[in-house]
Amino acid sequence: IVKRVIRKRVGAPVAAEAYVDNSPPPPPREAVAPAGIRDRGTGRPTK
């Protein structure tokens, strides 16, 4: 929701005061990284 009309780019603390954020919270990050980690030297993955 617009609280202030700003014409020029401003710093992050000032910019945060120019609006009210009603966004839903971001979805939680899932731990996907371990599934793609391979041992070093095992070569290219097969099909």
All heavy atoms as atom14 arrays in JSON, in Angstrom:
{
  "sequence": "IVKRVIRKRVGAPVAAEAYVDNSPPPPPREAVAPAGIRDRGTGRPTK",
  "atom14_mask": [
    [1, 1, 1, 1, 1, 1, 1, 1, 0, 0, 0, 0, 0, 0],
    [1, 1, 1, 1, 1, 1, 1, 0, 0, 0, 0, 0, 0, 0],
    [1, 1, 1, 1, 1, 1, 1, 1, 1, 0, 0, 0, 0, 0],
    [1, 1, 1, 1, 1, 1, 1, 1, 1, 1, 1, 0, 0, 0],
    [1, 1, 1, 1, 1, 1, 1, 0, 0, 0, 0, 0, 0, 0],
    [1, 1, 1, 1, 1, 1, 1, 1, 0, 0, 0, 0, 0, 0],
    [1, 1, 1, 1, 1, 1, 1, 1, 1, 1, 1, 0, 0, 0],
    [1, 1, 1, 1, 1, 1, 1, 1, 1, 0, 0, 0, 0, 0],
    [1, 1, 1, 1, 1, 1, 1, 1, 1, 1, 1, 0, 0, 0],
    [1, 1, 1, 1, 1, 1, 1, 0, 0, 0, 0, 0, 0, 0],
    [1, 1, 1, 1, 0, 0, 0, 0, 0, 0, 0, 0, 0, 0],
    [1, 1, 1, 1, 1, 0, 0, 0, 0, 0, 0, 0, 0, 0],
    [1, 1, 1, 1, 1, 1, 1, 0, 0, 0, 0, 0, 0, 0],
    [1, 1, 1, 1, 1, 1, 1, 0, 0, 0, 0, 0, 0, 0],
    [1, 1, 1, 1, 1, 0, 0, 0, 0, 0, 0, 0, 0, 0],
    [1, 1, 1, 1, 1, 0, 0, 0, 0, 0, 0, 0, 0, 0],
    [1, 1, 1, 1, 1, 1, 1, 1, 1, 0, 0, 0, 0, 0],
    [1, 1, 1, 1, 1, 0, 0, 0, 0, 0, 0, 0, 0, 0],
    [1, 1, 1, 1, 1, 1, 1, 1, 1, 1, 1, 1, 0, 0],
    [1, 1, 1, 1, 1, 1, 1, 0, 0, 0, 0, 0, 0, 0],
    [1, 1, 1, 1, 1, 1, 1, 1, 0, 0, 0, 0, 0, 0],
    [1, 1, 1, 1, 1, 1, 1, 1, 0, 0, 0, 0, 0, 0],
    [1, 1, 1, 1, 1, 1, 0, 0, 0, 0, 0, 0, 0, 0],
    [1, 1, 1, 1, 1, 1, 1, 0, 0, 0, 0, 0, 0, 0],
    [1, 1, 1, 1, 1, 1, 1, 0, 0, 0, 0, 0, 0, 0],
    [1, 1, 1, 1, 1, 1, 1, 0, 0, 0, 0, 0, 0, 0],
    [1, 1, 1, 1, 1, 1, 1, 0, 0, 0, 0, 0, 0, 0],
    [1, 1, 1, 1, 1, 1, 1, 0, 0, 0, 0, 0, 0, 0],
    [1, 1, 1, 1, 1, 1, 1, 1, 1, 1, 1, 0, 0, 0],
    [1, 1, 1, 1, 1, 1, 1, 1, 1, 0, 0, 0, 0, 0],
    [1, 1, 1, 1, 1, 0, 0, 0, 0, 0, 0, 0, 0, 0],
    [1, 1, 1, 1, 1, 1, 1, 0, 0, 0, 0, 0, 0, 0],
    [1, 1, 1, 1, 1, 0, 0, 0, 0, 0, 0, 0, 0, 0],
    [1, 1, 1, 1, 1, 1, 1, 0, 0, 0, 0, 0, 0, 0],
    [1, 1, 1, 1, 1, 0, 0, 0, 0, 0, 0, 0, 0, 0],
    [1, 1, 1, 1, 0, 0, 0, 0, 0, 0, 0, 0, 0, 0],
    [1, 1, 1, 1, 1, 1, 1, 1, 0, 0, 0, 0, 0, 0],
    [1, 1, 1, 1, 1, 1, 1, 1, 1, 1, 1, 0, 0, 0],
    [1, 1, 1, 1, 1, 1, 1, 1, 0, 0, 0, 0, 0, 0],
    [1, 1, 1, 1, 1, 1, 1, 1, 1, 1, 1, 0, 0, 0],
    [1, 1, 1, 1, 0, 0, 0, 0, 0, 0, 0, 0, 0, 0],
    [1, 1, 1, 1, 1, 1, 1, 0, 0, 0, 0, 0, 0, 0],
    [1, 1, 1, 1, 0, 0, 0, 0, 0, 0, 0, 0, 0, 0],
    [1, 1, 1, 1, 1, 1, 1, 1, 1, 1, 1, 0, 0, 0],
    [1, 1, 1, 1, 1, 1, 1, 0, 0, 0, 0, 0, 0, 0],
    [1, 1, 1, 1, 1, 1, 1, 0, 0, 0, 0, 0, 0, 0],
    [1, 1, 1, 1, 1, 1, 1, 1, 1, 0, 0, 0, 0, 0]
  ],
  "atom14_positions": [
    [[0.87, -1.17, 0.0], [0.0, 0.0, 0.0], [0.91, 1.23, 0.0], [1.82, 1.33, 0.83], [-0.9, 0.04, 1.26], [-1.66, -1.27, 1.43], [-1.84, 1.23, 1.2], [-2.77, -1.5, 0.46], [0.0, 0.0, 0.0], [0.0, 0.0, 0.0], [0.0, 0.0, 0.0], [0.0, 0.0, 0.0], [0.0, 0.0, 0.0], [0.0, 0.0, 0.0]],
    [[0.66, 2.16, -0.9], [1.5, 3.34, -1.05], [1.25, 4.31, 0.11], [0.12, 4.73, 0.33], [1.22, 4.05, -2.39], [2.1, 5.28, -2.55], [1.41, 3.1, -3.55], [0.0, 0.0, 0.0], [0.0, 0.0, 0.0], [0.0, 0.0, 0.0], [0.0, 0.0, 0.0], [0.0, 0.0, 0.0], [0.0, 0.0, 0.0], [0.0, 0.0, 0.0]],
    [[2.31, 4.62, 0.86], [2.22, 5.62, 1.93], [2.8, 6.96, 1.49], [2.32, 8.0, 1.91], [2.99, 5.16, 3.17], [2.23, 4.2, 4.03], [2.96, 3.7, 5.25], [3.96, 4.57, 5.89], [4.6, 3.96, 7.07], [0.0, 0.0, 0.0], [0.0, 0.0, 0.0], [0.0, 0.0, 0.0], [0.0, 0.0, 0.0], [0.0, 0.0, 0.0]],
    [[3.85, 6.92, 0.67], [4.49, 8.13, 0.17], [4.8, 7.95, -1.3], [5.15, 6.86, -1.73], [5.82, 8.39, 0.89], [5.67, 9.05, 2.22], [7.0, 9.33, 2.87], [7.94, 9.99, 1.96], [9.24, 10.08, 2.19], [9.76, 9.56, 3.27], [10.03, 10.7, 1.34], [0.0, 0.0, 0.0], [0.0, 0.0, 0.0], [0.0, 0.0, 0.0]],
    [[4.67, 9.04, -2.05], [5.03, 9.02, -3.46], [6.47, 9.51, -3.57], [6.78, 10.61, -3.12], [4.08, 9.91, -4.28], [4.52, 9.95, -5.73], [2.66, 9.41, -4.17], [0.0, 0.0, 0.0], [0.0, 0.0, 0.0], [0.0, 0.0, 0.0], [0.0, 0.0, 0.0], [0.0, 0.0, 0.0], [0.0, 0.0, 0.0], [0.0, 0.0, 0.0]],
    [[7.33, 8.66, -4.11], [8.75, 8.99, -4.24], [9.11, 8.98, -5.72], [8.77, 8.03, -6.43], [9.62, 7.97, -3.48], [9.28, 7.99, -2.01], [11.09, 8.25, -3.7], [10.04, 6.97, -1.2], [0.0, 0.0, 0.0], [0.0, 0.0, 0.0], [0.0, 0.0, 0.0], [0.0, 0.0, 0.0], [0.0, 0.0, 0.0], [0.0, 0.0, 0.0]],
    [[9.79, 10.03, -6.16], [10.17, 10.12, -7.56], [11.58, 9.61, -7.83], [11.87, 9.15, -8.92], [10.06, 11.56, -8.03], [8.64, 12.02, -8.21], [8.57, 13.46, -8.64], [7.24, 13.82, -9.1], [6.21, 14.0, -8.31], [6.34, 13.83, -7.02], [5.02, 14.31, -8.79], [0.0, 0.0, 0.0], [0.0, 0.0, 0.0], [0.0, 0.0, 0.0]],
    [[12.46, 9.73, -6.84], [13.85, 9.33, -7.04], [14.15, 8.11, -6.17], [13.56, 7.93, -5.12], [14.79, 10.47, -6.64], [14.67, 11.68, -7.53], [15.65, 12.73, -7.11], [15.55, 13.94, -8.01], [16.47, 14.99, -7.58], [0.0, 0.0, 0.0], [0.0, 0.0, 0.0], [0.0, 0.0, 0.0], [0.0, 0.0, 0.0], [0.0, 0.0, 0.0]],
    [[15.12, 7.31, -6.6], [15.51, 6.12, -5.85], [16.19, 6.55, -4.55], [17.05, 7.43, -4.55], [16.46, 5.26, -6.67], [16.71, 3.89, -6.07], [17.29, 2.99, -7.13], [17.74, 1.74, -6.61], [17.05, 0.61, -6.73], [15.89, 0.62, -7.32], [17.52, -0.51, -6.25], [0.0, 0.0, 0.0], [0.0, 0.0, 0.0], [0.0, 0.0, 0.0]],
    [[15.77, 5.93, -3.47], [16.29, 6.29, -2.15], [16.86, 5.05, -1.48], [16.73, 3.94, -1.99], [15.16, 6.9, -1.27], [14.72, 8.23, -1.82], [14.0, 5.95, -1.13], [0.0, 0.0, 0.0], [0.0, 0.0, 0.0], [0.0, 0.0, 0.0], [0.0, 0.0, 0.0], [0.0, 0.0, 0.0], [0.0, 0.0, 0.0], [0.0, 0.0, 0.0]],
    [[17.49, 5.25, -0.34], [18.06, 4.13, 0.4], [16.99, 3.19, 0.92], [15.82, 3.55, 1.04], [0.0, 0.0, 0.0], [0.0, 0.0, 0.0], [0.0, 0.0, 0.0], [0.0, 0.0, 0.0], [0.0, 0.0, 0.0], [0.0, 0.0, 0.0], [0.0, 0.0, 0.0], [0.0, 0.0, 0.0], [0.0, 0.0, 0.0], [0.0, 0.0, 0.0]],
    [[17.39, 1.98, 1.25], [16.44, 0.95, 1.68], [15.64, 1.34, 2.91], [14.43, 1.1, 2.95], [17.17, -0.37, 1.9], [0.0, 0.0, 0.0], [0.0, 0.0, 0.0], [0.0, 0.0, 0.0], [0.0, 0.0, 0.0], [0.0, 0.0, 0.0], [0.0, 0.0, 0.0], [0.0, 0.0, 0.0], [0.0, 0.0, 0.0], [0.0, 0.0, 0.0]],
    [[16.23, 1.95, 3.97], [15.42, 2.32, 5.13], [14.35, 3.37, 4.8], [13.23, 3.28, 5.29], [16.44, 2.88, 6.12], [17.74, 2.33, 5.71], [17.66, 2.16, 4.23], [0.0, 0.0, 0.0], [0.0, 0.0, 0.0], [0.0, 0.0, 0.0], [0.0, 0.0, 0.0], [0.0, 0.0, 0.0], [0.0, 0.0, 0.0], [0.0, 0.0, 0.0]],
    [[14.69, 4.32, 3.94], [13.71, 5.35, 3.55], [12.66, 4.74, 2.64], [11.47, 5.06, 2.75], [14.42, 6.53, 2.85], [13.43, 7.58, 2.4], [15.45, 7.14, 3.78], [0.0, 0.0, 0.0], [0.0, 0.0, 0.0], [0.0, 0.0, 0.0], [0.0, 0.0, 0.0], [0.0, 0.0, 0.0], [0.0, 0.0, 0.0], [0.0, 0.0, 0.0]],
    [[13.08, 3.84, 1.76], [12.13, 3.2, 0.84], [11.13, 2.35, 1.6], [9.95, 2.29, 1.23], [12.89, 2.34, -0.17], [0.0, 0.0, 0.0], [0.0, 0.0, 0.0], [0.0, 0.0, 0.0], [0.0, 0.0, 0.0], [0.0, 0.0, 0.0], [0.0, 0.0, 0.0], [0.0, 0.0, 0.0], [0.0, 0.0, 0.0], [0.0, 0.0, 0.0]],
    [[11.55, 1.7, 2.67], [10.64, 0.86, 3.44], [9.56, 1.68, 4.12], [8.47, 1.16, 4.42], [11.42, 0.06, 4.48], [0.0, 0.0, 0.0], [0.0, 0.0, 0.0], [0.0, 0.0, 0.0], [0.0, 0.0, 0.0], [0.0, 0.0, 0.0], [0.0, 0.0, 0.0], [0.0, 0.0, 0.0], [0.0, 0.0, 0.0], [0.0, 0.0, 0.0]],
    [[9.81, 2.97, 4.37], [8.81, 3.83, 4.98], [7.8, 4.36, 3.97], [6.8, 4.95, 4.35], [9.5, 5.02, 5.65], [10.38, 4.63, 6.82], [11.18, 5.8, 7.36], [11.04, 6.92, 6.82], [11.93, 5.59, 8.33], [0.0, 0.0, 0.0], [0.0, 0.0, 0.0], [0.0, 0.0, 0.0], [0.0, 0.0, 0.0], [0.0, 0.0, 0.0]],
    [[8.04, 4.15, 2.68], [7.17, 4.69, 1.64], [5.98, 3.78, 1.35], [5.08, 4.17, 0.6], [7.96, 4.91, 0.36], [0.0, 0.0, 0.0], [0.0, 0.0, 0.0], [0.0, 0.0, 0.0], [0.0, 0.0, 0.0], [0.0, 0.0, 0.0], [0.0, 0.0, 0.0], [0.0, 0.0, 0.0], [0.0, 0.0, 0.0], [0.0, 0.0, 0.0]],
    [[5.95, 2.57, 1.92], [4.83, 1.66, 1.68], [4.61, 0.76, 2.88], [5.47, 0.6, 3.73], [5.07, 0.82, 0.41], [6.31, -0.05, 0.44], [6.26, -1.33, 0.99], [7.51, 0.39, -0.08], [7.38, -2.14, 1.02], [8.64, -0.41, -0.06], [8.56, -1.68, 0.49], [9.67, -2.46, 0.51], [0.0, 0.0, 0.0], [0.0, 0.0, 0.0]],
    [[3.41, 0.17, 2.91], [3.06, -0.83, 3.91], [3.05, -2.17, 3.19], [2.33, -2.35, 2.21], [1.67, -0.55, 4.53], [1.3, -1.63, 5.52], [1.64, 0.81, 5.17], [0.0, 0.0, 0.0], [0.0, 0.0, 0.0], [0.0, 0.0, 0.0], [0.0, 0.0, 0.0], [0.0, 0.0, 0.0], [0.0, 0.0, 0.0], [0.0, 0.0, 0.0]],
    [[3.85, -3.12, 3.67], [3.99, -4.41, 3.01], [2.96, -5.39, 3.56], [3.02, -5.78, 4.71], [5.4, -4.95, 3.21], [5.74, -6.08, 2.26], [4.85, -6.5, 1.49], [6.9, -6.53, 2.27], [0.0, 0.0, 0.0], [0.0, 0.0, 0.0], [0.0, 0.0, 0.0], [0.0, 0.0, 0.0], [0.0, 0.0, 0.0], [0.0, 0.0, 0.0]],
    [[2.0, -5.78, 2.73], [0.98, -6.76, 3.1], [1.19, -8.08, 2.39], [0.25, -8.86, 2.22], [-0.43, -6.22, 2.76], [-0.8, -5.03, 3.62], [-0.3, -4.86, 4.72], [-1.67, -4.19, 3.1], [0.0, 0.0, 0.0], [0.0, 0.0, 0.0], [0.0, 0.0, 0.0], [0.0, 0.0, 0.0], [0.0, 0.0, 0.0], [0.0, 0.0, 0.0]],
    [[2.41, -8.34, 1.96], [2.73, -9.55, 1.2], [2.64, -10.78, 2.1], [2.98, -10.72, 3.28], [4.14, -9.48, 0.64], [4.29, -8.32, -0.14], [0.0, 0.0, 0.0], [0.0, 0.0, 0.0], [0.0, 0.0, 0.0], [0.0, 0.0, 0.0], [0.0, 0.0, 0.0], [0.0, 0.0, 0.0], [0.0, 0.0, 0.0], [0.0, 0.0, 0.0]],
    [[2.19, -11.91, 1.55], [2.24, -13.14, 2.33], [3.69, -13.55, 2.56], [4.57, -13.19, 1.77], [1.51, -14.16, 1.43], [1.57, -13.58, 0.07], [1.64, -12.1, 0.22], [0.0, 0.0, 0.0], [0.0, 0.0, 0.0], [0.0, 0.0, 0.0], [0.0, 0.0, 0.0], [0.0, 0.0, 0.0], [0.0, 0.0, 0.0], [0.0, 0.0, 0.0]],
    [[3.96, -14.26, 3.64], [5.35, -14.66, 3.9], [5.87, -15.59, 2.81], [5.1, -16.37, 2.23], [5.27, -15.39, 5.25], [3.86, -15.8, 5.38], [3.04, -14.78, 4.63], [0.0, 0.0, 0.0], [0.0, 0.0, 0.0], [0.0, 0.0, 0.0], [0.0, 0.0, 0.0], [0.0, 0.0, 0.0], [0.0, 0.0, 0.0], [0.0, 0.0, 0.0]],
    [[7.16, -15.51, 2.51], [7.7, -16.38, 1.46], [7.64, -17.84, 1.89], [7.71, -18.15, 3.08], [9.15, -15.91, 1.31], [9.47, -15.24, 2.59], [8.18, -14.67, 3.11], [0.0, 0.0, 0.0], [0.0, 0.0, 0.0], [0.0, 0.0, 0.0], [0.0, 0.0, 0.0], [0.0, 0.0, 0.0], [0.0, 0.0, 0.0], [0.0, 0.0, 0.0]],
    [[7.49, -18.75, 0.93], [7.44, -20.17, 1.3], [8.78, -20.62, 1.87], [9.83, -20.09, 1.49], [7.16, -20.87, -0.04], [7.57, -19.91, -1.08], [7.39, -18.54, -0.5], [0.0, 0.0, 0.0], [0.0, 0.0, 0.0], [0.0, 0.0, 0.0], [0.0, 0.0, 0.0], [0.0, 0.0, 0.0], [0.0, 0.0, 0.0], [0.0, 0.0, 0.0]],
    [[8.77, -21.57, 2.8], [10.04, -22.01, 3.4], [10.9, -22.72, 2.37], [10.41, -23.42, 1.49], [9.59, -22.97, 4.5], [8.24, -23.43, 4.09], [7.62, -22.29, 3.32], [0.0, 0.0, 0.0], [0.0, 0.0, 0.0], [0.0, 0.0, 0.0], [0.0, 0.0, 0.0], [0.0, 0.0, 0.0], [0.0, 0.0, 0.0], [0.0, 0.0, 0.0]],
    [[12.19, -22.52, 2.52], [13.13, -23.18, 1.61], [13.27, -24.64, 2.01], [13.39, -24.97, 3.17], [14.49, -22.51, 1.69], [14.52, -21.14, 1.11], [15.93, -20.63, 1.08], [15.99, -19.36, 0.4], [17.12, -18.79, 0.02], [18.27, -19.39, 0.28], [17.11, -17.64, -0.58], [0.0, 0.0, 0.0], [0.0, 0.0, 0.0], [0.0, 0.0, 0.0]],
    [[13.27, -25.48, 1.01], [13.43, -26.91, 1.27], [14.89, -27.29, 1.09], [15.63, -26.7, 0.31], [12.57, -27.71, 0.29], [11.09, -27.43, 0.45], [10.26, -28.16, -0.58], [10.81, -28.96, -1.35], [9.06, -27.91, -0.62], [0.0, 0.0, 0.0], [0.0, 0.0, 0.0], [0.0, 0.0, 0.0], [0.0, 0.0, 0.0], [0.0, 0.0, 0.0]],
    [[15.29, -28.27, 1.84], [16.68, -28.73, 1.76], [16.82, -29.65, 0.56], [16.72, -30.87, 0.65], [17.07, -29.45, 3.04], [0.0, 0.0, 0.0], [0.0, 0.0, 0.0], [0.0, 0.0, 0.0], [0.0, 0.0, 0.0], [0.0, 0.0, 0.0], [0.0, 0.0, 0.0], [0.0, 0.0, 0.0], [0.0, 0.0, 0.0], [0.0, 0.0, 0.0]],
    [[17.03, -29.06, -0.61], [17.16, -29.81, -1.86], [18.63, -30.12, -2.16], [18.94, -31.06, -2.86], [16.53, -29.02, -3.03], [16.65, -29.76, -4.34], [15.06, -28.74, -2.73], [0.0, 0.0, 0.0], [0.0, 0.0, 0.0], [0.0, 0.0, 0.0], [0.0, 0.0, 0.0], [0.0, 0.0, 0.0], [0.0, 0.0, 0.0], [0.0, 0.0, 0.0]],
    [[19.54, -29.35, -1.61], [20.95, -29.46, -1.97], [21.54, -30.85, -1.76], [22.28, -31.32, -2.62], [21.76, -28.42, -1.2], [0.0, 0.0, 0.0], [0.0, 0.0, 0.0], [0.0, 0.0, 0.0], [0.0, 0.0, 0.0], [0.0, 0.0, 0.0], [0.0, 0.0, 0.0], [0.0, 0.0, 0.0], [0.0, 0.0, 0.0], [0.0, 0.0, 0.0]],
    [[21.25, -31.58, -0.68], [21.87, -32.89, -0.52], [21.55, -33.89, -1.63], [22.34, -34.77, -1.92], [21.33, -33.38, 0.82], [20.99, -32.16, 1.58], [20.55, -31.18, 0.54], [0.0, 0.0, 0.0], [0.0, 0.0, 0.0], [0.0, 0.0, 0.0], [0.0, 0.0, 0.0], [0.0, 0.0, 0.0], [0.0, 0.0, 0.0], [0.0, 0.0, 0.0]],
    [[20.39, -33.74, -2.29], [20.03, -34.69, -3.34], [20.91, -34.53, -4.56], [21.12, -35.49, -5.3], [18.57, -34.5, -3.72], [0.0, 0.0, 0.0], [0.0, 0.0, 0.0], [0.0, 0.0, 0.0], [0.0, 0.0, 0.0], [0.0, 0.0, 0.0], [0.0, 0.0, 0.0], [0.0, 0.0, 0.0], [0.0, 0.0, 0.0], [0.0, 0.0, 0.0]],
    [[21.46, -33.33, -4.8], [22.26, -33.1, -6.0], [23.76, -33.19, -5.76], [24.53, -33.04, -6.7], [0.0, 0.0, 0.0], [0.0, 0.0, 0.0], [0.0, 0.0, 0.0], [0.0, 0.0, 0.0], [0.0, 0.0, 0.0], [0.0, 0.0, 0.0], [0.0, 0.0, 0.0], [0.0, 0.0, 0.0], [0.0, 0.0, 0.0], [0.0, 0.0, 0.0]],
    [[24.19, -33.43, -4.53], [25.62, -33.48, -4.24], [26.17, -34.86, -4.58], [25.61, -35.88, -4.18], [25.89, -33.14, -2.76], [25.49, -31.7, -2.5], [27.35, -33.38, -2.4], [25.63, -31.29, -1.06], [0.0, 0.0, 0.0], [0.0, 0.0, 0.0], [0.0, 0.0, 0.0], [0.0, 0.0, 0.0], [0.0, 0.0, 0.0], [0.0, 0.0, 0.0]],
    [[27.26, -34.88, -5.34], [27.89, -36.14, -5.72], [29.31, -36.14, -5.23], [29.92, -35.09, -5.04], [27.87, -36.29, -7.25], [26.47, -36.45, -7.79], [26.46, -36.52, -9.32], [27.46, -37.38, -9.91], [27.32, -38.69, -10.1], [26.23, -39.29, -9.71], [28.26, -39.39, -10.67], [0.0, 0.0, 0.0], [0.0, 0.0, 0.0], [0.0, 0.0, 0.0]],
    [[29.83, -37.32, -5.03], [31.22, -37.45, -4.6], [32.15, -36.96, -5.7], [31.9, -37.18, -6.9], [31.54, -38.9, -4.25], [30.79, -39.39, -3.03], [30.48, -38.53, -2.17], [30.51, -40.6, -2.93], [0.0, 0.0, 0.0], [0.0, 0.0, 0.0], [0.0, 0.0, 0.0], [0.0, 0.0, 0.0], [0.0, 0.0, 0.0], [0.0, 0.0, 0.0]],
    [[33.23, -36.35, -5.28], [34.2, -35.83, -6.23], [34.92, -37.0, -6.93], [35.31, -37.97, -6.29], [35.21, -34.97, -5.49], [36.13, -34.2, -6.41], [37.01, -33.27, -5.59], [37.93, -32.59, -6.45], [37.77, -31.34, -6.87], [36.73, -30.65, -6.48], [38.66, -30.78, -7.67], [0.0, 0.0, 0.0], [0.0, 0.0, 0.0], [0.0, 0.0, 0.0]],
    [[35.04, -36.89, -8.24], [35.76, -37.91, -9.0], [34.88, -39.05, -9.49], [35.38, -39.98, -10.1], [0.0, 0.0, 0.0], [0.0, 0.0, 0.0], [0.0, 0.0, 0.0], [0.0, 0.0, 0.0], [0.0, 0.0, 0.0], [0.0, 0.0, 0.0], [0.0, 0.0, 0.0], [0.0, 0.0, 0.0], [0.0, 0.0, 0.0], [0.0, 0.0, 0.0]],
    [[33.59, -39.01, -9.24], [32.71, -40.1, -9.69], [32.33, -39.96, -11.15], [31.73, -40.87, -11.72], [31.43, -40.16, -8.84], [30.76, -38.92, -8.91], [31.75, -40.51, -7.41], [0.0, 0.0, 0.0], [0.0, 0.0, 0.0], [0.0, 0.0, 0.0], [0.0, 0.0, 0.0], [0.0, 0.0, 0.0], [0.0, 0.0, 0.0], [0.0, 0.0, 0.0]],
    [[32.66, -38.83, -11.74], [32.37, -38.66, -13.16], [30.98, -38.12, -13.41], [30.25, -37.72, -12.5], [0.0, 0.0, 0.0], [0.0, 0.0, 0.0], [0.0, 0.0, 0.0], [0.0, 0.0, 0.0], [0.0, 0.0, 0.0], [0.0, 0.0, 0.0], [0.0, 0.0, 0.0], [0.0, 0.0, 0.0], [0.0, 0.0, 0.0], [0.0, 0.0, 0.0]],
    [[30.62, -38.17, -14.65], [29.34, -37.63, -15.08], [28.22, -38.59, -14.67], [28.38, -39.82, -14.78], [29.39, -37.49, -16.59], [28.27, -36.73, -17.17], [28.58, -36.45, -18.62], [27.4, -35.92, -19.27], [27.34, -35.6, -20.53], [28.39, -35.78, -21.29], [26.25, -35.11, -21.05], [0.0, 0.0, 0.0], [0.0, 0.0, 0.0], [0.0, 0.0, 0.0]],
    [[27.06, -38.06, -14.22], [25.98, -38.98, -13.82], [25.4, -39.72, -15.02], [25.27, -39.17, -16.1], [24.94, -38.06, -13.18], [25.3, -36.69, -13.55], [26.72, -36.67, -13.95], [0.0, 0.0, 0.0], [0.0, 0.0, 0.0], [0.0, 0.0, 0.0], [0.0, 0.0, 0.0], [0.0, 0.0, 0.0], [0.0, 0.0, 0.0], [0.0, 0.0, 0.0]],
    [[25.03, -40.96, -14.78], [24.39, -41.75, -15.82], [22.92, -41.4, -15.86], [22.4, -40.66, -15.01], [24.55, -43.25, -15.52], [23.88, -43.54, -14.3], [26.02, -43.65, -15.42], [0.0, 0.0, 0.0], [0.0, 0.0, 0.0], [0.0, 0.0, 0.0], [0.0, 0.0, 0.0], [0.0, 0.0, 0.0], [0.0, 0.0, 0.0], [0.0, 0.0, 0.0]],
    [[22.23, -41.96, -16.83], [20.79, -41.72, -16.94], [20.08, -42.23, -15.69], [19.16, -41.6, -15.18], [20.24, -42.41, -18.18], [18.77, -42.12, -18.43], [18.23, -42.88, -19.61], [18.64, -42.21, -20.9], [17.96, -42.8, -22.07], [0.0, 0.0, 0.0], [0.0, 0.0, 0.0], [0.0, 0.0, 0.0], [0.0, 0.0, 0.0], [0.0, 0.0, 0.0]]
  ]
}
